[in-house]
């Protein structure tokens, strides 16, 4: 790579990855995506997270308010408008 250091390339890739993550941080769910307690775990296949970008598994209670945000990656899991959950809190 002419005139570009490895560190500069790494920084550019990290910046692009962070921008991509910020654009994809809202995940729409339907009621059947929730478990029996009305929640989901993050990381979640619906979030399309790469293996290198994983964090510890955390439970998020979506049914209580209709959405929940992961404290690690910031993904927001939202119940699709009009969806009803079976769990009552």
C-alpha atoms as a PDB file:
ATOM      1  CA  UNK A   1       0.000   0.000   0.000  1.00  0.00           C
ATOM      2  CA  UNK A   2       1.712   3.116  -1.248  1.00  0.00           C
ATOM      3  CA  UNK A   3       1.917   5.953   1.268  1.00  0.00           C
ATOM      4  CA  UNK A   4      -0.503   4.406   3.787  1.00  0.00           C
ATOM      5  CA  UNK A   5       0.735   2.779   6.956  1.00  0.00           C
ATOM      6  CA  UNK A   6      -0.767  -0.347   8.471  1.00  0.00           C
ATOM      7  CA  UNK A   7      -1.975   1.709  11.450  1.00  0.00           C
ATOM      8  CA  UNK A   8      -3.793   4.146   9.147  1.00  0.00           C
ATOM      9  CA  UNK A   9      -5.506   1.268   7.378  1.00  0.00           C
ATOM     10  CA  UNK A  10      -6.518  -0.257  10.743  1.00  0.00           C
ATOM     11  CA  UNK A  11      -7.909   3.096  11.909  1.00  0.00           C
ATOM     12  CA  UNK A  12      -9.911   3.535   8.706  1.00  0.00           C
ATOM     13  CA  UNK A  13     -11.329   0.017   8.969  1.00  0.00           C
ATOM     14  CA  UNK A  14     -12.230   0.518  12.631  1.00  0.00           C
ATOM     15  CA  UNK A  15     -13.941   3.831  11.854  1.00  0.00           C
ATOM     16  CA  UNK A  16     -15.968   2.246   9.066  1.00  0.00           C
ATOM     17  CA  UNK A  17     -16.889  -0.699  11.285  1.00  0.00           C
ATOM     18  CA  UNK A  18     -18.042   1.670  14.046  1.00  0.00           C
ATOM     19  CA  UNK A  19     -20.167   3.674  11.567  1.00  0.00           C
ATOM     20  CA  UNK A  20     -21.685   0.469  10.214  1.00  0.00           C
ATOM     21  CA  UNK A  21     -22.479  -0.697  13.755  1.00  0.00           C
ATOM     22  CA  UNK A  22     -24.145   2.605  14.598  1.00  0.00           C
ATOM     23  CA  UNK A  23     -26.330   2.372  11.487  1.00  0.00           C
ATOM     24  CA  UNK A  24     -27.394  -1.169  12.338  1.00  0.00           C
ATOM     25  CA  UNK A  25     -28.034  -0.779  16.066  1.00  0.00           C
ATOM     26  CA  UNK A  26     -31.838  -1.021  15.946  1.00  0.00           C
ATOM     27  CA  UNK A  27     -33.225  -4.539  15.592  1.00  0.00           C
ATOM     28  CA  UNK A  28     -36.948  -5.001  14.964  1.00  0.00           C
ATOM     29  CA  UNK A  29     -38.495  -8.065  16.599  1.00  0.00           C
ATOM     30  CA  UNK A  30     -41.793  -9.887  16.305  1.00  0.00           C
ATOM     31  CA  UNK A  31     -43.439 -11.558  19.273  1.00  0.00           C
ATOM     32  CA  UNK A  32     -42.187 -15.007  18.283  1.00  0.00           C
ATOM     33  CA  UNK A  33     -38.584 -13.741  18.497  1.00  0.00           C
ATOM     34  CA  UNK A  34     -38.984 -13.310  22.267  1.00  0.00           C
ATOM     35  CA  UNK A  35     -38.478 -16.132  24.736  1.00  0.00           C
ATOM     36  CA  UNK A  36     -41.108 -17.265  27.283  1.00  0.00           C
ATOM     37  CA  UNK A  37     -40.207 -14.416  29.646  1.00  0.00           C
ATOM     38  CA  UNK A  38     -40.557 -11.803  26.894  1.00  0.00           C
ATOM     39  CA  UNK A  39     -36.889 -11.154  26.270  1.00  0.00           C
ATOM     40  CA  UNK A  40     -33.955 -11.794  23.991  1.00  0.00           C
ATOM     41  CA  UNK A  41     -30.255 -12.316  24.457  1.00  0.00           C
ATOM     42  CA  UNK A  42     -27.575 -10.141  22.947  1.00  0.00           C
ATOM     43  CA  UNK A  43     -25.527 -10.952  20.949  1.00  0.00           C
ATOM     44  CA  UNK A  44     -28.404 -12.185  18.840  1.00  0.00           C
ATOM     45  CA  UNK A  45     -28.430 -13.651  15.300  1.00  0.00           C
ATOM     46  CA  UNK A  46     -30.841 -10.898  14.249  1.00  0.00           C
ATOM     47  CA  UNK A  47     -28.160  -8.324  15.100  1.00  0.00           C
ATOM     48  CA  UNK A  48     -25.790  -9.868  12.530  1.00  0.00           C
ATOM     49  CA  UNK A  49     -22.801  -9.426  14.835  1.00  0.00           C
ATOM     50  CA  UNK A  50     -19.506 -10.867  13.679  1.00  0.00           C
ATOM     51  CA  UNK A  51     -17.649 -13.315  15.898  1.00  0.00           C
ATOM     52  CA  UNK A  52     -14.802 -10.858  16.537  1.00  0.00           C
ATOM     53  CA  UNK A  53     -17.338  -8.236  17.636  1.00  0.00           C
ATOM     54  CA  UNK A  54     -19.118 -10.371  20.249  1.00  0.00           C
ATOM     55  CA  UNK A  55     -19.433  -9.518  23.915  1.00  0.00           C
ATOM     56  CA  UNK A  56     -20.684 -11.459  26.956  1.00  0.00           C
ATOM     57  CA  UNK A  57     -24.241 -12.757  26.583  1.00  0.00           C
ATOM     58  CA  UNK A  58     -26.779 -10.522  28.297  1.00  0.00           C
ATOM     59  CA  UNK A  59     -30.550 -10.912  28.771  1.00  0.00           C
ATOM     60  CA  UNK A  60     -32.749  -8.012  27.671  1.00  0.00           C
ATOM     61  CA  UNK A  61     -36.389  -7.700  28.779  1.00  0.00           C
ATOM     62  CA  UNK A  62     -38.162  -6.396  25.682  1.00  0.00           C
ATOM     63  CA  UNK A  63     -41.763  -7.200  26.686  1.00  0.00           C
ATOM     64  CA  UNK A  64     -41.807  -4.819  29.656  1.00  0.00           C
ATOM     65  CA  UNK A  65     -41.482  -1.602  27.631  1.00  0.00           C
ATOM     66  CA  UNK A  66     -41.432  -2.788  24.027  1.00  0.00           C
ATOM     67  CA  UNK A  67     -37.690  -2.256  23.676  1.00  0.00           C
ATOM     68  CA  UNK A  68     -34.391  -2.828  25.449  1.00  0.00           C
ATOM     69  CA  UNK A  69     -30.834  -1.646  24.819  1.00  0.00           C
ATOM     70  CA  UNK A  70     -27.734  -3.776  25.224  1.00  0.00           C
ATOM     71  CA  UNK A  71     -25.313  -2.207  27.713  1.00  0.00           C
ATOM     72  CA  UNK A  72     -22.313  -3.618  25.835  1.00  0.00           C
ATOM     73  CA  UNK A  73     -22.861  -2.832  22.151  1.00  0.00           C
ATOM     74  CA  UNK A  74     -25.757  -0.384  22.258  1.00  0.00           C
ATOM     75  CA  UNK A  75     -28.027  -2.455  20.012  1.00  0.00           C
ATOM     76  CA  UNK A  76     -31.662  -1.569  20.624  1.00  0.00           C
ATOM     77  CA  UNK A  77     -34.106  -4.446  20.288  1.00  0.00           C
ATOM     78  CA  UNK A  78     -37.599  -3.126  19.506  1.00  0.00           C
ATOM     79  CA  UNK A  79     -40.870  -4.982  19.289  1.00  0.00           C
ATOM     80  CA  UNK A  80     -42.498  -4.303  15.912  1.00  0.00           C
ATOM     81  CA  UNK A  81     -45.467  -1.923  16.102  1.00  0.00           C
ATOM     82  CA  UNK A  82     -48.702  -3.807  16.716  1.00  0.00           C
ATOM     83  CA  UNK A  83     -47.004  -6.968  18.019  1.00  0.00           C
ATOM     84  CA  UNK A  84     -48.458  -8.395  21.234  1.00  0.00           C
ATOM     85  CA  UNK A  85     -46.490 -10.466  23.722  1.00  0.00           C
ATOM     86  CA  UNK A  86     -47.889 -13.374  25.695  1.00  0.00           C
ATOM     87  CA  UNK A  87     -45.937 -12.492  28.827  1.00  0.00           C
ATOM     88  CA  UNK A  88     -47.513 -10.117  31.280  1.00  0.00           C
ATOM     89  CA  UNK A  89     -45.276  -8.064  33.541  1.00  0.00           C
END
